[in-house]
Amino acid sequence: MWAEVDPAHHPFTLDEDAAEELTILVAPLLPDSEAAREDRRRSLDPVTEFLTDRYGRWACGWNWSLGEGDVDGGVVEARCCASDSVTTPEETAPLVVGALREWRGWLEDLAERFADLAPPEGTPVASTDHGPGERACTRLVTTVADRTRAESGWYGHCVQVLRWFLAGKGVDEGQAREIVENAVGGRFGSWIAPEAAVVDAVSSRFAGGVGGIG
């Protein structure tokens, strides 16, 4: 949920000294390359658990890489997946730290975009003016498609980002999920960026759902 990843509520800084310390702490938690190849989806769980315990649940996205990585359809480019990116601890640990920084940067970028796309202060969530909602959806879909390169499963994160945007504007999580599911409804596919007409249709349904909140 957005409350769990919103940078405004989860401060994070990592200067070079702290990054070096984190690299040292992560190294012993890494699997060897053979274990990573055999069980790539579970072999990095100790790293994820350590990072989330240390920084908060937002950090679990550190290994959400592009395409068919450990988790399908993400944005992280600092590493690929356990089966390809895990070598020695000395080589792999800095990649983990780099990936965490990249993921955090993405969350901070989203927070800025959400603020820029917010309707004017005082505008009710349910409004007859659907323009701001359509523009917000269009820009966010385009941004996520670009950042993920519209590779495998990219639309999963796109749906999540749209829900996060609504939650950040005070829409109930359950309502946000329903609005986004009704708007997207299987209209996006893997390995292909949506055509403008499709984005327009999704954005119109998205804005209509927001305007329909009672």
N, C-alpha and C. Protein backbone atom coordinates (compact mmCIF):
# COMPACT_ATOMS: atom_id res chain seq x y z
N MET A 1 0.84 -1.19 0.00
CA MET A 1 0.00 0.00 0.00
C MET A 1 0.88 1.24 0.00
N TRP A 2 0.32 2.36 -0.50
CA TRP A 2 1.11 3.58 -0.58
C TRP A 2 1.61 4.02 0.79
N ALA A 3 0.82 3.83 1.82
CA ALA A 3 1.25 4.23 3.16
C ALA A 3 2.53 3.51 3.59
N GLU A 4 2.76 2.33 3.02
CA GLU A 4 3.95 1.56 3.39
C GLU A 4 5.20 1.95 2.60
N VAL A 5 5.01 2.68 1.50
CA VAL A 5 6.15 3.03 0.65
C VAL A 5 6.34 4.53 0.46
N ASP A 6 5.38 5.33 0.89
CA ASP A 6 5.43 6.78 0.71
C ASP A 6 6.70 7.35 1.34
N PRO A 7 7.60 7.92 0.54
CA PRO A 7 8.85 8.46 1.09
C PRO A 7 8.64 9.51 2.17
N ALA A 8 7.53 10.23 2.11
CA ALA A 8 7.27 11.28 3.10
C ALA A 8 7.13 10.71 4.50
N HIS A 9 6.72 9.45 4.59
CA HIS A 9 6.51 8.82 5.89
C HIS A 9 7.61 7.82 6.25
N HIS A 10 8.56 7.64 5.35
CA HIS A 10 9.64 6.69 5.59
C HIS A 10 10.97 7.31 5.16
N PRO A 11 11.52 8.19 6.00
CA PRO A 11 12.79 8.86 5.63
C PRO A 11 13.90 7.85 5.37
N PHE A 12 14.76 8.21 4.42
CA PHE A 12 15.86 7.32 4.06
C PHE A 12 16.99 8.15 3.45
N THR A 13 18.16 7.98 4.01
CA THR A 13 19.37 8.56 3.42
C THR A 13 20.45 7.48 3.44
N LEU A 14 21.29 7.50 2.43
CA LEU A 14 22.35 6.50 2.34
C LEU A 14 23.56 7.15 1.68
N ASP A 15 24.41 7.76 2.51
CA ASP A 15 25.61 8.36 1.96
C ASP A 15 26.64 7.26 1.66
N GLU A 16 27.80 7.64 1.19
CA GLU A 16 28.78 6.63 0.75
C GLU A 16 29.27 5.77 1.91
N ASP A 17 29.46 6.36 3.07
CA ASP A 17 29.90 5.57 4.23
C ASP A 17 28.83 4.56 4.62
N ALA A 18 27.56 5.02 4.65
CA ALA A 18 26.46 4.12 5.01
C ALA A 18 26.28 3.04 3.95
N ALA A 19 26.50 3.40 2.69
CA ALA A 19 26.38 2.42 1.62
C ALA A 19 27.45 1.34 1.74
N GLU A 20 28.65 1.76 2.11
CA GLU A 20 29.73 0.79 2.30
C GLU A 20 29.43 -0.13 3.46
N GLU A 21 28.89 0.44 4.54
CA GLU A 21 28.52 -0.39 5.70
C GLU A 21 27.43 -1.38 5.32
N LEU A 22 26.43 -0.91 4.57
CA LEU A 22 25.34 -1.80 4.16
C LEU A 22 25.85 -2.91 3.26
N THR A 23 26.78 -2.60 2.39
CA THR A 23 27.37 -3.62 1.52
C THR A 23 28.01 -4.73 2.34
N ILE A 24 28.72 -4.34 3.38
CA ILE A 24 29.37 -5.33 4.24
C ILE A 24 28.34 -6.19 4.97
N LEU A 25 27.23 -5.59 5.39
CA LEU A 25 26.21 -6.32 6.13
C LEU A 25 25.43 -7.28 5.21
N VAL A 26 25.25 -6.88 3.96
CA VAL A 26 24.48 -7.69 3.03
C VAL A 26 25.27 -8.91 2.53
N ALA A 27 26.56 -8.76 2.37
CA ALA A 27 27.38 -9.81 1.75
C ALA A 27 27.19 -11.20 2.37
N PRO A 28 27.19 -11.34 3.71
CA PRO A 28 27.04 -12.69 4.28
C PRO A 28 25.66 -13.31 4.06
N LEU A 29 24.68 -12.50 3.66
CA LEU A 29 23.32 -13.00 3.47
C LEU A 29 23.09 -13.54 2.06
N LEU A 30 24.03 -13.32 1.19
CA LEU A 30 23.86 -13.71 -0.21
C LEU A 30 24.12 -15.19 -0.42
N PRO A 31 23.36 -15.82 -1.31
CA PRO A 31 23.60 -17.23 -1.64
C PRO A 31 24.79 -17.35 -2.58
N ASP A 32 25.31 -18.56 -2.71
CA ASP A 32 26.32 -18.74 -3.76
C ASP A 32 25.61 -18.85 -5.10
N SER A 33 26.36 -18.76 -6.17
CA SER A 33 25.75 -18.70 -7.50
C SER A 33 24.96 -19.95 -7.84
N GLU A 34 25.41 -21.11 -7.36
CA GLU A 34 24.70 -22.36 -7.66
C GLU A 34 23.34 -22.37 -6.99
N ALA A 35 23.29 -21.97 -5.71
CA ALA A 35 22.01 -21.91 -4.99
C ALA A 35 21.07 -20.90 -5.64
N ALA A 36 21.62 -19.79 -6.11
CA ALA A 36 20.80 -18.77 -6.75
C ALA A 36 20.17 -19.28 -8.04
N ARG A 37 20.93 -20.07 -8.79
CA ARG A 37 20.39 -20.63 -10.03
C ARG A 37 19.31 -21.66 -9.76
N GLU A 38 19.50 -22.45 -8.71
CA GLU A 38 18.55 -23.52 -8.41
C GLU A 38 17.25 -23.00 -7.82
N ASP A 39 17.32 -21.94 -7.04
CA ASP A 39 16.13 -21.43 -6.36
C ASP A 39 16.15 -19.91 -6.39
N ARG A 40 16.07 -19.35 -7.58
CA ARG A 40 16.28 -17.90 -7.71
C ARG A 40 15.20 -17.09 -7.01
N ARG A 41 13.99 -17.61 -6.91
CA ARG A 41 12.91 -16.83 -6.32
C ARG A 41 12.98 -16.78 -4.80
N ARG A 42 13.67 -17.71 -4.19
CA ARG A 42 13.74 -17.75 -2.72
C ARG A 42 15.12 -17.46 -2.18
N SER A 43 16.12 -17.57 -3.02
CA SER A 43 17.49 -17.51 -2.52
C SER A 43 17.87 -16.14 -1.96
N LEU A 44 17.16 -15.08 -2.36
CA LEU A 44 17.47 -13.74 -1.88
C LEU A 44 16.53 -13.28 -0.78
N ASP A 45 15.68 -14.18 -0.30
CA ASP A 45 14.75 -13.81 0.78
C ASP A 45 15.48 -13.27 2.02
N PRO A 46 16.61 -13.86 2.44
CA PRO A 46 17.29 -13.30 3.62
C PRO A 46 17.71 -11.84 3.42
N VAL A 47 18.09 -11.48 2.20
CA VAL A 47 18.46 -10.09 1.92
C VAL A 47 17.23 -9.19 2.04
N THR A 48 16.13 -9.61 1.44
CA THR A 48 14.91 -8.82 1.49
C THR A 48 14.43 -8.65 2.92
N GLU A 49 14.47 -9.71 3.69
CA GLU A 49 14.03 -9.63 5.09
C GLU A 49 14.92 -8.67 5.88
N PHE A 50 16.21 -8.72 5.64
CA PHE A 50 17.13 -7.82 6.33
C PHE A 50 16.84 -6.36 5.97
N LEU A 51 16.66 -6.08 4.69
CA LEU A 51 16.43 -4.70 4.25
C LEU A 51 15.10 -4.16 4.76
N THR A 52 14.06 -4.98 4.75
CA THR A 52 12.77 -4.50 5.23
C THR A 52 12.77 -4.31 6.74
N ASP A 53 13.47 -5.17 7.46
CA ASP A 53 13.60 -4.99 8.92
C ASP A 53 14.36 -3.71 9.24
N ARG A 54 15.34 -3.40 8.41
CA ARG A 54 16.21 -2.25 8.68
C ARG A 54 15.57 -0.92 8.24
N TYR A 55 14.88 -0.93 7.09
CA TYR A 55 14.40 0.32 6.52
C TYR A 55 12.88 0.45 6.42
N GLY A 56 12.18 -0.65 6.47
CA GLY A 56 10.74 -0.61 6.31
C GLY A 56 10.28 -1.42 5.11
N ARG A 57 8.99 -1.64 5.02
CA ARG A 57 8.45 -2.52 3.99
C ARG A 57 8.71 -2.01 2.57
N TRP A 58 8.88 -0.69 2.42
CA TRP A 58 9.12 -0.14 1.09
C TRP A 58 10.33 -0.79 0.42
N ALA A 59 11.31 -1.23 1.25
CA ALA A 59 12.56 -1.76 0.71
C ALA A 59 12.40 -3.10 0.02
N CYS A 60 11.25 -3.76 0.17
CA CYS A 60 11.09 -5.09 -0.45
C CYS A 60 11.08 -5.02 -1.97
N GLY A 61 10.97 -3.81 -2.54
CA GLY A 61 11.01 -3.69 -3.99
C GLY A 61 12.40 -3.61 -4.58
N TRP A 62 13.43 -3.79 -3.77
CA TRP A 62 14.81 -3.61 -4.24
C TRP A 62 15.17 -4.51 -5.43
N ASN A 63 14.56 -5.69 -5.49
CA ASN A 63 14.92 -6.62 -6.58
C ASN A 63 13.81 -6.76 -7.62
N TRP A 64 12.98 -5.71 -7.73
CA TRP A 64 11.92 -5.74 -8.73
C TRP A 64 12.48 -5.21 -10.04
N SER A 65 13.18 -6.06 -10.73
CA SER A 65 13.92 -5.64 -11.93
C SER A 65 13.05 -5.70 -13.18
N LEU A 66 13.60 -5.17 -14.26
CA LEU A 66 12.90 -5.15 -15.54
C LEU A 66 12.59 -6.56 -16.03
N GLY A 67 11.47 -6.69 -16.72
CA GLY A 67 11.16 -7.94 -17.40
C GLY A 67 11.00 -9.13 -16.48
N GLU A 68 11.51 -10.26 -16.93
CA GLU A 68 11.32 -11.52 -16.21
C GLU A 68 12.44 -11.72 -15.20
N GLY A 69 12.51 -10.85 -14.22
CA GLY A 69 13.51 -10.97 -13.17
C GLY A 69 12.97 -11.81 -12.04
N ASP A 70 13.47 -11.53 -10.82
CA ASP A 70 12.98 -12.27 -9.65
C ASP A 70 11.50 -12.02 -9.42
N VAL A 71 11.08 -10.77 -9.68
CA VAL A 71 9.68 -10.39 -9.60
C VAL A 71 9.32 -9.77 -10.94
N ASP A 72 8.24 -10.19 -11.54
CA ASP A 72 7.94 -9.83 -12.93
C ASP A 72 7.55 -8.37 -13.10
N GLY A 73 8.14 -7.71 -14.10
CA GLY A 73 7.65 -6.42 -14.55
C GLY A 73 7.99 -5.22 -13.72
N GLY A 74 9.22 -5.12 -13.22
CA GLY A 74 9.59 -3.99 -12.38
C GLY A 74 10.36 -2.91 -13.10
N VAL A 75 11.09 -2.10 -12.31
CA VAL A 75 11.76 -0.93 -12.87
C VAL A 75 13.27 -0.91 -12.61
N VAL A 76 13.75 -1.80 -11.75
CA VAL A 76 15.16 -1.75 -11.32
C VAL A 76 16.08 -2.27 -12.41
N GLU A 77 17.09 -1.48 -12.75
CA GLU A 77 18.06 -1.87 -13.77
C GLU A 77 19.44 -2.18 -13.20
N ALA A 78 19.65 -1.92 -11.92
CA ALA A 78 20.97 -2.12 -11.33
C ALA A 78 21.38 -3.59 -11.31
N ARG A 79 20.38 -4.47 -11.38
CA ARG A 79 20.66 -5.90 -11.40
C ARG A 79 19.57 -6.57 -12.20
N CYS A 80 19.80 -7.84 -12.56
CA CYS A 80 18.81 -8.58 -13.34
C CYS A 80 18.02 -9.51 -12.43
N CYS A 81 18.59 -10.63 -12.10
CA CYS A 81 17.89 -11.63 -11.30
C CYS A 81 18.92 -12.48 -10.58
N ALA A 82 18.45 -13.28 -9.63
CA ALA A 82 19.37 -14.07 -8.83
C ALA A 82 20.21 -15.00 -9.69
N SER A 83 19.59 -15.62 -10.69
CA SER A 83 20.32 -16.60 -11.49
C SER A 83 21.40 -15.97 -12.35
N ASP A 84 21.27 -14.69 -12.69
CA ASP A 84 22.26 -14.03 -13.54
C ASP A 84 23.14 -13.03 -12.79
N SER A 85 22.62 -12.44 -11.71
CA SER A 85 23.34 -11.35 -11.05
C SER A 85 24.13 -11.77 -9.82
N VAL A 86 23.89 -12.97 -9.33
CA VAL A 86 24.61 -13.44 -8.14
C VAL A 86 25.89 -14.15 -8.55
N THR A 87 27.02 -13.58 -8.14
CA THR A 87 28.32 -14.23 -8.36
C THR A 87 28.97 -14.40 -7.00
N THR A 88 30.02 -13.66 -6.73
CA THR A 88 30.62 -13.70 -5.41
C THR A 88 29.96 -12.64 -4.53
N PRO A 89 30.00 -12.81 -3.20
CA PRO A 89 29.42 -11.78 -2.32
C PRO A 89 30.05 -10.41 -2.54
N GLU A 90 31.34 -10.38 -2.78
CA GLU A 90 32.04 -9.10 -2.97
C GLU A 90 31.54 -8.37 -4.22
N GLU A 91 31.18 -9.11 -5.25
CA GLU A 91 30.69 -8.50 -6.48
C GLU A 91 29.19 -8.21 -6.42
N THR A 92 28.46 -9.06 -5.71
CA THR A 92 27.00 -8.96 -5.72
C THR A 92 26.46 -7.95 -4.72
N ALA A 93 27.07 -7.86 -3.54
CA ALA A 93 26.56 -6.96 -2.50
C ALA A 93 26.42 -5.51 -2.97
N PRO A 94 27.40 -4.95 -3.70
CA PRO A 94 27.23 -3.57 -4.19
C PRO A 94 26.04 -3.45 -5.15
N LEU A 95 25.73 -4.51 -5.91
CA LEU A 95 24.58 -4.46 -6.81
C LEU A 95 23.28 -4.37 -6.02
N VAL A 96 23.23 -5.06 -4.89
CA VAL A 96 22.06 -4.99 -4.01
C VAL A 96 21.85 -3.57 -3.51
N VAL A 97 22.92 -2.95 -3.05
CA VAL A 97 22.83 -1.58 -2.53
C VAL A 97 22.43 -0.63 -3.65
N GLY A 98 23.00 -0.81 -4.83
CA GLY A 98 22.64 0.03 -5.97
C GLY A 98 21.17 -0.14 -6.34
N ALA A 99 20.68 -1.38 -6.29
CA ALA A 99 19.28 -1.64 -6.61
C ALA A 99 18.36 -1.01 -5.59
N LEU A 100 18.72 -1.07 -4.31
CA LEU A 100 17.91 -0.44 -3.27
C LEU A 100 17.83 1.07 -3.50
N ARG A 101 18.95 1.67 -3.81
CA ARG A 101 18.96 3.12 -4.09
C ARG A 101 18.09 3.45 -5.30
N GLU A 102 18.16 2.62 -6.33
CA GLU A 102 17.39 2.87 -7.53
C GLU A 102 15.89 2.77 -7.25
N TRP A 103 15.50 1.75 -6.51
CA TRP A 103 14.09 1.57 -6.16
C TRP A 103 13.61 2.75 -5.32
N ARG A 104 14.40 3.18 -4.37
CA ARG A 104 14.02 4.33 -3.55
C ARG A 104 13.87 5.59 -4.41
N GLY A 105 14.78 5.76 -5.35
CA GLY A 105 14.69 6.90 -6.25
C GLY A 105 13.40 6.90 -7.04
N TRP A 106 12.96 5.72 -7.46
CA TRP A 106 11.72 5.59 -8.20
C TRP A 106 10.53 5.99 -7.32
N LEU A 107 10.52 5.54 -6.07
CA LEU A 107 9.44 5.91 -5.17
C LEU A 107 9.40 7.42 -4.94
N GLU A 108 10.56 8.02 -4.80
CA GLU A 108 10.62 9.46 -4.62
C GLU A 108 10.15 10.19 -5.87
N ASP A 109 10.49 9.65 -7.02
CA ASP A 109 10.02 10.23 -8.28
C ASP A 109 8.50 10.15 -8.38
N LEU A 110 7.95 9.01 -8.01
CA LEU A 110 6.49 8.86 -8.03
C LEU A 110 5.82 9.85 -7.09
N ALA A 111 6.38 10.02 -5.90
CA ALA A 111 5.78 10.95 -4.93
C ALA A 111 5.73 12.36 -5.51
N GLU A 112 6.79 12.76 -6.20
CA GLU A 112 6.82 14.08 -6.83
C GLU A 112 5.77 14.18 -7.94
N ARG A 113 5.67 13.12 -8.72
CA ARG A 113 4.67 13.13 -9.80
C ARG A 113 3.26 13.18 -9.22
N PHE A 114 3.01 12.43 -8.17
CA PHE A 114 1.68 12.44 -7.55
C PHE A 114 1.33 13.86 -7.11
N ALA A 115 2.29 14.55 -6.49
CA ALA A 115 2.04 15.91 -6.03
C ALA A 115 1.75 16.85 -7.20
N ASP A 116 2.50 16.68 -8.29
CA ASP A 116 2.31 17.53 -9.47
C ASP A 116 0.95 17.27 -10.14
N LEU A 117 0.49 16.03 -10.05
CA LEU A 117 -0.75 15.65 -10.73
C LEU A 117 -1.99 15.81 -9.87
N ALA A 118 -1.80 16.21 -8.63
CA ALA A 118 -2.93 16.37 -7.72
C ALA A 118 -3.83 17.50 -8.20
N PRO A 119 -5.14 17.36 -8.03
CA PRO A 119 -6.04 18.46 -8.39
C PRO A 119 -5.82 19.64 -7.46
N PRO A 120 -6.28 20.82 -7.83
CA PRO A 120 -6.10 22.00 -6.97
C PRO A 120 -6.62 21.75 -5.57
N GLU A 121 -5.96 22.36 -4.59
CA GLU A 121 -6.36 22.18 -3.20
C GLU A 121 -7.81 22.60 -3.02
N GLY A 122 -8.55 21.76 -2.28
CA GLY A 122 -9.96 22.04 -2.04
C GLY A 122 -10.89 21.35 -3.01
N THR A 123 -10.33 20.77 -4.08
CA THR A 123 -11.17 20.05 -5.03
C THR A 123 -11.59 18.71 -4.43
N PRO A 124 -12.88 18.39 -4.38
CA PRO A 124 -13.30 17.10 -3.81
C PRO A 124 -12.82 15.94 -4.68
N VAL A 125 -12.60 14.79 -4.04
CA VAL A 125 -12.17 13.61 -4.78
C VAL A 125 -13.17 13.29 -5.88
N ALA A 126 -14.45 13.29 -5.51
CA ALA A 126 -15.50 13.06 -6.50
C ALA A 126 -15.85 14.40 -7.13
N SER A 127 -15.50 14.58 -8.37
CA SER A 127 -15.73 15.85 -9.06
C SER A 127 -16.30 15.58 -10.44
N THR A 128 -17.14 16.49 -10.90
CA THR A 128 -17.71 16.33 -12.25
C THR A 128 -16.70 16.66 -13.34
N ASP A 129 -15.61 17.32 -12.95
CA ASP A 129 -14.55 17.63 -13.91
C ASP A 129 -13.59 16.46 -13.97
N HIS A 130 -13.67 15.67 -15.02
CA HIS A 130 -12.84 14.46 -15.14
C HIS A 130 -11.48 14.73 -15.76
N GLY A 131 -11.25 15.96 -16.19
CA GLY A 131 -9.99 16.28 -16.86
C GLY A 131 -8.76 15.95 -16.06
N PRO A 132 -8.66 16.42 -14.80
CA PRO A 132 -7.46 16.13 -14.00
C PRO A 132 -7.22 14.63 -13.81
N GLY A 133 -8.28 13.87 -13.61
CA GLY A 133 -8.13 12.42 -13.44
C GLY A 133 -7.64 11.74 -14.70
N GLU A 134 -8.16 12.18 -15.84
CA GLU A 134 -7.72 11.61 -17.11
C GLU A 134 -6.25 11.93 -17.37
N ARG A 135 -5.87 13.17 -17.13
CA ARG A 135 -4.48 13.57 -17.35
C ARG A 135 -3.53 12.81 -16.43
N ALA A 136 -3.93 12.66 -15.17
CA ALA A 136 -3.08 11.95 -14.21
C ALA A 136 -2.88 10.50 -14.64
N CYS A 137 -3.96 9.84 -15.00
CA CYS A 137 -3.87 8.44 -15.42
C CYS A 137 -3.01 8.30 -16.65
N THR A 138 -3.23 9.15 -17.64
CA THR A 138 -2.46 9.07 -18.88
C THR A 138 -0.97 9.24 -18.62
N ARG A 139 -0.61 10.21 -17.82
CA ARG A 139 0.80 10.47 -17.54
C ARG A 139 1.44 9.34 -16.73
N LEU A 140 0.69 8.80 -15.78
CA LEU A 140 1.26 7.72 -14.97
C LEU A 140 1.41 6.44 -15.77
N VAL A 141 0.43 6.10 -16.58
CA VAL A 141 0.53 4.90 -17.41
C VAL A 141 1.72 5.04 -18.36
N THR A 142 1.84 6.20 -18.98
CA THR A 142 2.94 6.43 -19.91
C THR A 142 4.28 6.35 -19.21
N THR A 143 4.36 6.91 -18.02
CA THR A 143 5.61 6.90 -17.26
C THR A 143 6.02 5.49 -16.88
N VAL A 144 5.07 4.70 -16.39
CA VAL A 144 5.38 3.33 -15.97
C VAL A 144 5.75 2.48 -17.18
N ALA A 145 5.02 2.63 -18.27
CA ALA A 145 5.34 1.86 -19.47
C ALA A 145 6.75 2.18 -19.95
N ASP A 146 7.11 3.44 -19.88
CA ASP A 146 8.46 3.85 -20.30
C ASP A 146 9.52 3.32 -19.36
N ARG A 147 9.29 3.45 -18.06
CA ARG A 147 10.29 3.04 -17.08
C ARG A 147 10.50 1.52 -17.06
N THR A 148 9.42 0.77 -17.25
CA THR A 148 9.52 -0.70 -17.27
C THR A 148 9.85 -1.22 -18.66
N ARG A 149 9.89 -0.29 -19.63
CA ARG A 149 10.07 -0.63 -21.06
C ARG A 149 8.94 -1.51 -21.57
N ALA A 150 7.82 -1.50 -20.85
CA ALA A 150 6.65 -2.30 -21.21
C ALA A 150 7.03 -3.77 -21.41
N GLU A 151 7.95 -4.25 -20.59
CA GLU A 151 8.37 -5.65 -20.70
C GLU A 151 7.41 -6.56 -19.94
N SER A 152 7.83 -7.79 -19.70
CA SER A 152 6.95 -8.80 -19.13
C SER A 152 6.29 -8.34 -17.84
N GLY A 153 4.96 -8.41 -17.82
CA GLY A 153 4.21 -8.12 -16.61
C GLY A 153 4.25 -6.68 -16.15
N TRP A 154 4.66 -5.73 -16.98
CA TRP A 154 4.80 -4.34 -16.58
C TRP A 154 3.49 -3.75 -16.06
N TYR A 155 2.38 -4.23 -16.61
CA TYR A 155 1.08 -3.66 -16.27
C TYR A 155 0.71 -3.92 -14.81
N GLY A 156 1.32 -4.94 -14.19
CA GLY A 156 1.06 -5.20 -12.77
C GLY A 156 1.51 -4.03 -11.92
N HIS A 157 2.70 -3.52 -12.22
CA HIS A 157 3.19 -2.36 -11.48
C HIS A 157 2.41 -1.11 -11.87
N CYS A 158 1.99 -1.03 -13.11
CA CYS A 158 1.20 0.12 -13.55
C CYS A 158 -0.09 0.21 -12.74
N VAL A 159 -0.77 -0.90 -12.59
CA VAL A 159 -1.99 -0.95 -11.79
C VAL A 159 -1.69 -0.53 -10.35
N GLN A 160 -0.58 -1.01 -9.83
CA GLN A 160 -0.20 -0.67 -8.47
C GLN A 160 0.04 0.84 -8.32
N VAL A 161 0.73 1.43 -9.29
CA VAL A 161 1.03 2.87 -9.24
C VAL A 161 -0.26 3.68 -9.28
N LEU A 162 -1.21 3.28 -10.11
CA LEU A 162 -2.49 3.99 -10.17
C LEU A 162 -3.23 3.88 -8.85
N ARG A 163 -3.19 2.72 -8.21
CA ARG A 163 -3.81 2.57 -6.89
C ARG A 163 -3.10 3.46 -5.87
N TRP A 164 -1.76 3.47 -5.93
CA TRP A 164 -1.00 4.31 -5.01
C TRP A 164 -1.39 5.77 -5.16
N PHE A 165 -1.54 6.21 -6.41
CA PHE A 165 -1.90 7.60 -6.65
C PHE A 165 -3.23 7.94 -5.97
N LEU A 166 -4.22 7.10 -6.14
CA LEU A 166 -5.52 7.35 -5.54
C LEU A 166 -5.44 7.30 -4.02
N ALA A 167 -4.72 6.33 -3.50
CA ALA A 167 -4.58 6.23 -2.04
C ALA A 167 -3.91 7.47 -1.47
N GLY A 168 -2.92 7.99 -2.21
CA GLY A 168 -2.24 9.19 -1.76
C GLY A 168 -3.14 10.41 -1.75
N LYS A 169 -4.25 10.35 -2.51
CA LYS A 169 -5.22 11.45 -2.55
C LYS A 169 -6.39 11.21 -1.61
N GLY A 170 -6.27 10.19 -0.77
CA GLY A 170 -7.29 9.95 0.24
C GLY A 170 -8.38 8.98 -0.13
N VAL A 171 -8.25 8.33 -1.28
CA VAL A 171 -9.25 7.34 -1.67
C VAL A 171 -9.00 6.05 -0.89
N ASP A 172 -10.06 5.47 -0.38
CA ASP A 172 -9.95 4.20 0.35
C ASP A 172 -9.27 3.15 -0.52
N GLU A 173 -8.41 2.34 0.09
CA GLU A 173 -7.65 1.34 -0.65
C GLU A 173 -8.56 0.40 -1.44
N GLY A 174 -9.66 -0.02 -0.82
CA GLY A 174 -10.58 -0.91 -1.52
C GLY A 174 -11.23 -0.24 -2.71
N GLN A 175 -11.62 1.02 -2.53
CA GLN A 175 -12.21 1.75 -3.65
C GLN A 175 -11.18 1.99 -4.75
N ALA A 176 -9.96 2.30 -4.35
CA ALA A 176 -8.90 2.52 -5.34
C ALA A 176 -8.68 1.27 -6.17
N ARG A 177 -8.65 0.13 -5.53
CA ARG A 177 -8.45 -1.13 -6.26
C ARG A 177 -9.57 -1.36 -7.26
N GLU A 178 -10.80 -1.12 -6.83
CA GLU A 178 -11.95 -1.33 -7.72
C GLU A 178 -11.93 -0.38 -8.90
N ILE A 179 -11.61 0.88 -8.65
CA ILE A 179 -11.56 1.88 -9.73
C ILE A 179 -10.53 1.48 -10.78
N VAL A 180 -9.34 1.10 -10.31
CA VAL A 180 -8.26 0.78 -11.23
C VAL A 180 -8.55 -0.52 -11.98
N GLU A 181 -9.06 -1.51 -11.30
CA GLU A 181 -9.38 -2.77 -11.98
C GLU A 181 -10.44 -2.56 -13.05
N ASN A 182 -11.45 -1.74 -12.75
CA ASN A 182 -12.49 -1.47 -13.75
C ASN A 182 -11.94 -0.68 -14.93
N ALA A 183 -10.99 0.20 -14.65
CA ALA A 183 -10.43 1.03 -15.73
C ALA A 183 -9.50 0.23 -16.64
N VAL A 184 -8.64 -0.58 -16.04
CA VAL A 184 -7.63 -1.30 -16.82
C VAL A 184 -8.22 -2.57 -17.42
N GLY A 185 -8.80 -3.39 -16.57
CA GLY A 185 -9.57 -4.55 -17.03
C GLY A 185 -8.96 -5.39 -18.14
N GLY A 186 -7.67 -5.72 -18.05
CA GLY A 186 -7.04 -6.56 -19.06
C GLY A 186 -6.71 -5.87 -20.36
N ARG A 187 -6.73 -4.55 -20.36
CA ARG A 187 -6.47 -3.81 -21.60
C ARG A 187 -4.99 -3.67 -21.93
N PHE A 188 -4.12 -3.98 -20.97
CA PHE A 188 -2.68 -3.91 -21.21
C PHE A 188 -2.11 -5.32 -21.32
N GLY A 189 -1.02 -5.47 -22.07
CA GLY A 189 -0.40 -6.77 -22.24
C GLY A 189 1.10 -6.71 -22.08
N SER A 190 1.72 -7.86 -21.86
CA SER A 190 3.17 -7.94 -21.72
C SER A 190 3.87 -7.66 -23.04
N TRP A 191 5.06 -7.07 -22.92
CA TRP A 191 5.95 -6.86 -24.05
C TRP A 191 5.38 -5.92 -25.11
N ILE A 192 4.43 -5.10 -24.74
CA ILE A 192 3.90 -4.13 -25.70
C ILE A 192 3.38 -2.91 -24.97
N ALA A 193 3.84 -1.74 -25.38
CA ALA A 193 3.34 -0.50 -24.81
C ALA A 193 1.93 -0.25 -25.34
N PRO A 194 1.04 0.25 -24.51
CA PRO A 194 -0.34 0.46 -24.97
C PRO A 194 -0.44 1.58 -26.00
N GLU A 195 -1.31 1.40 -26.97
CA GLU A 195 -1.54 2.43 -27.96
C GLU A 195 -2.28 3.60 -27.33
N ALA A 196 -2.16 4.77 -27.94
CA ALA A 196 -2.75 5.98 -27.38
C ALA A 196 -4.25 5.83 -27.16
N ALA A 197 -4.93 5.17 -28.08
CA ALA A 197 -6.38 5.00 -27.95
C ALA A 197 -6.73 4.16 -26.73
N VAL A 198 -5.90 3.16 -26.45
CA VAL A 198 -6.13 2.32 -25.28
C VAL A 198 -5.90 3.12 -24.00
N VAL A 199 -4.83 3.89 -23.97
CA VAL A 199 -4.55 4.72 -22.79
C VAL A 199 -5.68 5.72 -22.57
N ASP A 200 -6.16 6.30 -23.65
CA ASP A 200 -7.27 7.26 -23.53
C ASP A 200 -8.50 6.60 -22.93
N ALA A 201 -8.81 5.39 -23.38
CA ALA A 201 -9.99 4.68 -22.88
C ALA A 201 -9.84 4.35 -21.40
N VAL A 202 -8.65 3.87 -21.03
CA VAL A 202 -8.39 3.54 -19.63
C VAL A 202 -8.48 4.81 -18.77
N SER A 203 -7.90 5.89 -19.26
CA SER A 203 -7.90 7.13 -18.49
C SER A 203 -9.31 7.68 -18.30
N SER A 204 -10.14 7.55 -19.32
CA SER A 204 -11.52 8.01 -19.22
C SER A 204 -12.28 7.20 -18.18
N ARG A 205 -12.12 5.88 -18.20
CA ARG A 205 -12.78 5.03 -17.22
C ARG A 205 -12.25 5.28 -15.82
N PHE A 206 -10.94 5.52 -15.73
CA PHE A 206 -10.32 5.83 -14.44
C PHE A 206 -10.93 7.11 -13.85
N ALA A 207 -10.97 8.16 -14.64
CA ALA A 207 -11.51 9.44 -14.16
C ALA A 207 -13.00 9.32 -13.81
N GLY A 208 -13.74 8.55 -14.62
CA GLY A 208 -15.14 8.35 -14.33
C GLY A 208 -15.35 7.61 -13.01
N GLY A 209 -14.48 6.64 -12.74
CA GLY A 209 -14.58 5.90 -11.47
C GLY A 209 -14.28 6.79 -10.29
N VAL A 210 -13.29 7.65 -10.43
CA VAL A 210 -12.97 8.58 -9.34
C VAL A 210 -14.13 9.54 -9.11
N GLY A 211 -14.69 10.03 -10.21
CA GLY A 211 -15.81 10.96 -10.09
C GLY A 211 -17.06 10.32 -9.54
N GLY A 212 -17.12 9.00 -9.60
CA GLY A 212 -18.30 8.30 -9.11
C GLY A 212 -18.26 7.94 -7.63
N ILE A 213 -17.19 8.33 -6.94
CA ILE A 213 -17.09 8.03 -5.51
C ILE A 213 -18.15 8.84 -4.76
N GLY A 214 -18.93 8.13 -3.96
CA GLY A 214 -19.99 8.83 -3.23
C GLY A 214 -19.50 9.41 -1.91
